[in-house]
C-alpha atoms as a PDB file:
ATOM      1  CA  UNK A   1       0.459 -14.747  20.455  1.00  0.00           C
ATOM      2  CA  UNK A   2      -1.274 -11.640  21.585  1.00  0.00           C
ATOM      3  CA  UNK A   3       2.042  -9.758  22.121  1.00  0.00           C
ATOM      4  CA  UNK A   4       2.873 -10.240  18.585  1.00  0.00           C
ATOM      5  CA  UNK A   5      -0.025  -8.188  17.401  1.00  0.00           C
ATOM      6  CA  UNK A   6       0.905  -5.233  19.854  1.00  0.00           C
ATOM      7  CA  UNK A   7       4.481  -5.352  18.657  1.00  0.00           C
ATOM      8  CA  UNK A   8       3.406  -5.313  15.169  1.00  0.00           C
ATOM      9  CA  UNK A   9       1.240  -2.445  15.803  1.00  0.00           C
ATOM     10  CA  UNK A  10       4.025  -0.600  17.506  1.00  0.00           C
ATOM     11  CA  UNK A  11       6.305  -1.338  14.743  1.00  0.00           C
ATOM     12  CA  UNK A  12       3.844  -0.081  12.044  1.00  0.00           C
ATOM     13  CA  UNK A  13       3.444   3.211  13.901  1.00  0.00           C
ATOM     14  CA  UNK A  14       7.051   3.812  14.383  1.00  0.00           C
ATOM     15  CA  UNK A  15       7.983   2.986  10.894  1.00  0.00           C
ATOM     16  CA  UNK A  16       5.263   5.134   9.375  1.00  0.00           C
ATOM     17  CA  UNK A  17       6.292   7.980  11.468  1.00  0.00           C
ATOM     18  CA  UNK A  18      10.030   7.522  10.336  1.00  0.00           C
ATOM     19  CA  UNK A  19       8.824   7.437   6.695  1.00  0.00           C
ATOM     20  CA  UNK A  20       6.747  10.481   7.208  1.00  0.00           C
ATOM     21  CA  UNK A  21       9.529  12.499   8.946  1.00  0.00           C
ATOM     22  CA  UNK A  22      11.997  11.194   6.261  1.00  0.00           C
ATOM     23  CA  UNK A  23       9.855  12.866   3.758  1.00  0.00           C
ATOM     24  CA  UNK A  24       9.854  16.015   5.697  1.00  0.00           C
ATOM     25  CA  UNK A  25      13.607  16.105   6.191  1.00  0.00           C
ATOM     26  CA  UNK A  26      14.225  15.403   2.552  1.00  0.00           C
ATOM     27  CA  UNK A  27      11.893  18.126   1.446  1.00  0.00           C
ATOM     28  CA  UNK A  28      13.567  20.613   3.835  1.00  0.00           C
ATOM     29  CA  UNK A  29      17.093  19.594   2.498  1.00  0.00           C
ATOM     30  CA  UNK A  30      15.882  19.882  -0.968  1.00  0.00           C
ATOM     31  CA  UNK A  31      14.477  23.396  -0.300  1.00  0.00           C
ATOM     32  CA  UNK A  32      18.064  24.483   1.034  1.00  0.00           C
ATOM     33  CA  UNK A  33      20.128  22.761  -1.453  1.00  0.00           C
ATOM     34  CA  UNK A  34      21.695  20.413   1.261  1.00  0.00           C
ATOM     35  CA  UNK A  35      22.514  16.712   1.190  1.00  0.00           C
ATOM     36  CA  UNK A  36      19.350  14.518   0.482  1.00  0.00           C
ATOM     37  CA  UNK A  37      18.137  11.376   1.703  1.00  0.00           C
ATOM     38  CA  UNK A  38      18.564   8.787  -1.202  1.00  0.00           C
ATOM     39  CA  UNK A  39      15.487   7.826  -3.116  1.00  0.00           C
ATOM     40  CA  UNK A  40      16.291   4.279  -2.430  1.00  0.00           C
ATOM     41  CA  UNK A  41      16.066   4.892   1.388  1.00  0.00           C
ATOM     42  CA  UNK A  42      12.571   6.379   1.067  1.00  0.00           C
ATOM     43  CA  UNK A  43      11.454   3.295  -0.929  1.00  0.00           C
ATOM     44  CA  UNK A  44      12.951   0.963   1.551  1.00  0.00           C
ATOM     45  CA  UNK A  45      11.095   2.687   4.297  1.00  0.00           C
ATOM     46  CA  UNK A  46       7.982   2.171   2.369  1.00  0.00           C
ATOM     47  CA  UNK A  47       8.587  -1.345   1.544  1.00  0.00           C
ATOM     48  CA  UNK A  48       9.265  -2.306   5.229  1.00  0.00           C
ATOM     49  CA  UNK A  49       5.871  -1.026   6.305  1.00  0.00           C
ATOM     50  CA  UNK A  50       6.050   2.681   6.174  1.00  0.00           C
ATOM     51  CA  UNK A  51       3.946   3.154   2.870  1.00  0.00           C
ATOM     52  CA  UNK A  52       1.165   4.992   4.459  1.00  0.00           C
ATOM     53  CA  UNK A  53       3.561   7.548   6.166  1.00  0.00           C
ATOM     54  CA  UNK A  54       5.546   7.963   3.144  1.00  0.00           C
ATOM     55  CA  UNK A  55       2.423   8.740   1.062  1.00  0.00           C
ATOM     56  CA  UNK A  56       1.044  11.097   3.824  1.00  0.00           C
ATOM     57  CA  UNK A  57       4.385  12.907   3.898  1.00  0.00           C
ATOM     58  CA  UNK A  58       4.636  12.989   0.140  1.00  0.00           C
ATOM     59  CA  UNK A  59       1.498  14.832   0.021  1.00  0.00           C
ATOM     60  CA  UNK A  60       1.630  16.862   3.380  1.00  0.00           C
ATOM     61  CA  UNK A  61       4.944  18.330   2.196  1.00  0.00           C
ATOM     62  CA  UNK A  62       4.209  18.398  -1.644  1.00  0.00           C
ATOM     63  CA  UNK A  63       7.454  16.307  -2.007  1.00  0.00           C
ATOM     64  CA  UNK A  64       8.110  14.074  -4.923  1.00  0.00           C
ATOM     65  CA  UNK A  65       4.471  14.287  -5.994  1.00  0.00           C
ATOM     66  CA  UNK A  66       5.307  14.971  -9.670  1.00  0.00           C
ATOM     67  CA  UNK A  67       7.686  12.000  -9.871  1.00  0.00           C
ATOM     68  CA  UNK A  68       5.697   9.172 -11.123  1.00  0.00           C
ATOM     69  CA  UNK A  69       8.133   6.680  -9.567  1.00  0.00           C
ATOM     70  CA  UNK A  70       6.802   7.933  -6.113  1.00  0.00           C
ATOM     71  CA  UNK A  71       3.265   9.065  -6.928  1.00  0.00           C
ATOM     72  CA  UNK A  72       2.527   5.561  -8.426  1.00  0.00           C
ATOM     73  CA  UNK A  73       5.235   3.464  -6.659  1.00  0.00           C
ATOM     74  CA  UNK A  74       4.224   4.338  -3.115  1.00  0.00           C
ATOM     75  CA  UNK A  75       0.571   3.351  -3.566  1.00  0.00           C
ATOM     76  CA  UNK A  76       1.435   0.373  -5.425  1.00  0.00           C
ATOM     77  CA  UNK A  77       3.637  -0.840  -2.516  1.00  0.00           C
ATOM     78  CA  UNK A  78       0.760  -0.098  -0.056  1.00  0.00           C
ATOM     79  CA  UNK A  79      -1.722  -2.110  -2.243  1.00  0.00           C
ATOM     80  CA  UNK A  80       0.682  -4.949  -2.369  1.00  0.00           C
ATOM     81  CA  UNK A  81       1.226  -4.853   1.526  1.00  0.00           C
ATOM     82  CA  UNK A  82      -2.585  -4.909   2.036  1.00  0.00           C
ATOM     83  CA  UNK A  83      -3.008  -7.894  -0.406  1.00  0.00           C
ATOM     84  CA  UNK A  84      -0.119  -9.674   1.707  1.00  0.00           C
ATOM     85  CA  UNK A  85      -1.760  -8.958   5.073  1.00  0.00           C
ATOM     86  CA  UNK A  86      -5.067  -9.979   3.845  1.00  0.00           C
ATOM     87  CA  UNK A  87      -3.422 -13.272   2.373  1.00  0.00           C
ATOM     88  CA  UNK A  88      -1.554 -13.981   5.665  1.00  0.00           C
ATOM     89  CA  UNK A  89      -4.582 -13.166   7.885  1.00  0.00           C
ATOM     90  CA  UNK A  90      -6.706 -15.570   5.719  1.00  0.00           C
ATOM     91  CA  UNK A  91      -4.056 -18.287   6.157  1.00  0.00           C
ATOM     92  CA  UNK A  92      -3.776 -17.785   9.873  1.00  0.00           C
ATOM     93  CA  UNK A  93      -7.740 -17.920  10.413  1.00  0.00           C
ATOM     94  CA  UNK A  94      -7.934 -21.269   8.447  1.00  0.00           C
END
């Protein structure tokens, strides 16, 4: 059971790093008019655990900050993930 926690932490670090880098890559591609990462992909990365990295990348690179879909969507995903984690944790402790 202890290993599951360590694997989860490693997964979350990696998925958040990937989401952060995806925001960077998409910003660079937008700047140079190249093929972009689909918005759906950015949201999937946030949904599967990369919401902190996506939010950090959004503000670090000033990317998608004017799009309500992102500036509201990513934080809503993060809040839902926190609620889910707290709920699962409380069930696990009981």
